[in-house]
Structures are given as C-alpha cells and as structure tokens.
Protein backbone atom coordinates (compact mmCIF):
# COMPACT_ATOMS: atom_id res chain seq x y z
CA MET A 1 152.08 110.97 135.88
CA ASP A 2 150.87 113.25 138.62
CA GLU A 3 152.85 112.38 141.73
CA THR A 4 150.99 114.94 143.83
CA ALA A 5 147.59 113.48 142.97
CA VAL A 6 148.79 109.98 143.78
CA ALA A 7 150.25 111.10 147.11
CA ASN A 8 147.05 113.00 147.93
CA ALA A 9 144.91 109.95 147.19
CA ALA A 10 147.06 107.82 149.51
CA LYS A 11 146.78 110.52 152.20
CA GLU A 12 142.98 110.46 151.92
CA PHE A 13 143.01 106.73 152.60
CA ALA A 14 145.40 107.19 155.52
CA ASP A 15 143.28 110.03 156.94
CA ALA A 16 140.31 107.63 156.85
CA GLY A 17 142.26 105.10 158.93
CA ARG A 18 143.31 102.88 156.02
CA ARG A 19 146.76 101.83 154.91
CA ALA A 20 147.86 103.06 151.51
CA LEU A 21 150.99 103.08 149.41
CA ALA A 22 151.37 105.67 146.64
CA LEU A 23 153.33 104.27 143.70
CA LEU A 24 153.79 105.49 140.15
CA CYS A 25 154.47 102.96 137.46
CA GLY A 26 154.59 103.28 133.68
CA PRO A 27 152.28 100.81 131.94
CA THR A 28 155.00 99.43 129.68
CA ASP A 29 157.95 99.43 132.08
CA GLU A 30 158.39 95.90 133.44
CA ASP A 31 161.12 96.98 135.87
CA GLN A 32 158.85 99.62 137.41
CA ALA A 33 156.02 97.09 137.68
CA ALA A 34 158.31 94.57 139.39
CA ALA A 35 159.57 97.27 141.77
CA ALA A 36 155.98 98.27 142.59
CA VAL A 37 155.07 94.67 143.43
CA ASP A 38 158.22 94.29 145.54
CA ARG A 39 157.48 97.51 147.44
CA THR A 40 153.88 96.45 148.01
CA VAL A 41 154.90 93.07 149.41
CA GLU A 42 157.57 94.75 151.54
CA THR A 43 155.00 97.19 152.94
CA PHE A 44 151.93 94.97 153.35
CA GLY A 45 153.36 91.44 153.38
CA ARG A 46 151.51 90.37 150.23
CA LEU A 47 149.81 91.59 147.07
CA GLY A 48 146.11 90.72 147.11
CA THR A 49 144.85 92.77 144.17
CA ALA A 50 146.40 94.99 141.52
CA CYS A 51 144.64 97.38 139.18
CA THR A 52 145.53 100.15 136.79
CA ALA A 53 143.91 103.45 135.99
CA LEU A 54 145.56 104.44 132.73
CA GLY A 55 144.46 107.81 131.50
CA HIS A 56 141.94 108.13 134.29
CA HIS A 57 141.60 111.47 136.02
CA CYS A 58 139.29 112.21 138.89
CA ASP A 59 138.66 115.68 140.38
CA HIS A 60 137.89 115.27 144.06
C-alpha cells in the first residue's frame, strides 16, 4: 500500500476545501476495517459511504 499516494490524495481534497481522511486498510484484515470505520465515525460523526480501490493505481 502506498501511504504517500493516499496522503497526497487526501491533501488534494483538503486543498480543494473538502474534508478527507487518509486511511490504509488491507482487504482481508477485519481489525483494520473496523478501525477504519471507527476512525471515520470519530472524524466525521458517521459513515455515509465506503468503497474500495483494490489494485487500482492512478497517475495524477
């Protein structure tokens, strides 16, 4: 997982005036998934939508 790319993507959202949270989570690790949901709810108050981008790479 590319932590730098994830952090950069969140920064692009923030620079555009949006709120973003950069989280890395393995697709088969239930504890990481639960922690990601908990952190999201802690940060934003709720989880409205969740999506994954397994194996996806975007050069921007």
